[in-house]
Amino acid sequence: MAVKTWTKATLGAAALCGVLSMGAATANAAVFDFQQAGNTSAQPLGFSQGSISGTVTAQYSGPYAGSLTPVVTQNTYGLGVSTWYHENGEVDGAPGVETLLFEFDTKVRLNSVSFAKADDNGCVFGLCWDDDWTVKVDDVTVANDSQQNPFLFGGLSGIVASSFSVSANGWDDSWRVSQMDVSAVPLPAAAWFLLTALGGLFGTRWLKKGQTA
């Protein structure tokens, strides 16, 4: 009788954990659309959706770096960088390297990041813009001068990390980040088995208590 009771309780807990895990996997996928009306700026800029949250910080390295204060800009095309010098508010490489750093409060699975305003400046006096971006994950370079748009982290499987950055290294680079697709990292299978065992244990005790009463 005790074995049957424990088995029923365990199966019930397993079913519940399976439903919860499926629901969590669906609910924890998040696409952040950074395109909004108007022109705003912040340093850093916060973002939050469901269980995923973090900040975007503007960075600059190059000439006059000591006297320039970069900020994150946001408009209908997405996120950019302004240093208040030779600026259009986009992430560009003139006169120095501008970067957007995305940091998450907990580790996430990075799926993709999309760019806007890329290669839309045409040619001037025979000089043509050929926009690209350098991508780092947890401060490790994963792509140099990439033109993949959207950029896919780790192909179709994504990369688990706590931060990533995109930089404009060339004087002719100028673009904005329009969207970011990330997912919360689900609990490992061992954790669900532990929850199942605990559910079975407490379920058994609850049934025994009811039978004693």
Foldseek 3Di string as FASTA:
>chain_A
DLVVQLVVQLVVLLVVLVVVLVVQQVQFWDKDFQADADKDKAAWAWDDDDPKIWTKHKAWDDPPRVPWDKIWMGYRFGIAIDRPPPDPRWFAQPPHKMKIKTFIPDKWFFFWWFKPPAQPPQDDPRRGAHAFKWKDFPNHTPDDRDPDGGDGAPPRPGDIGGMMMIMHNDRRHTIHTGMTIIGHDGDDPVVSSVSSSVSSVVSSVVVVVVVVD
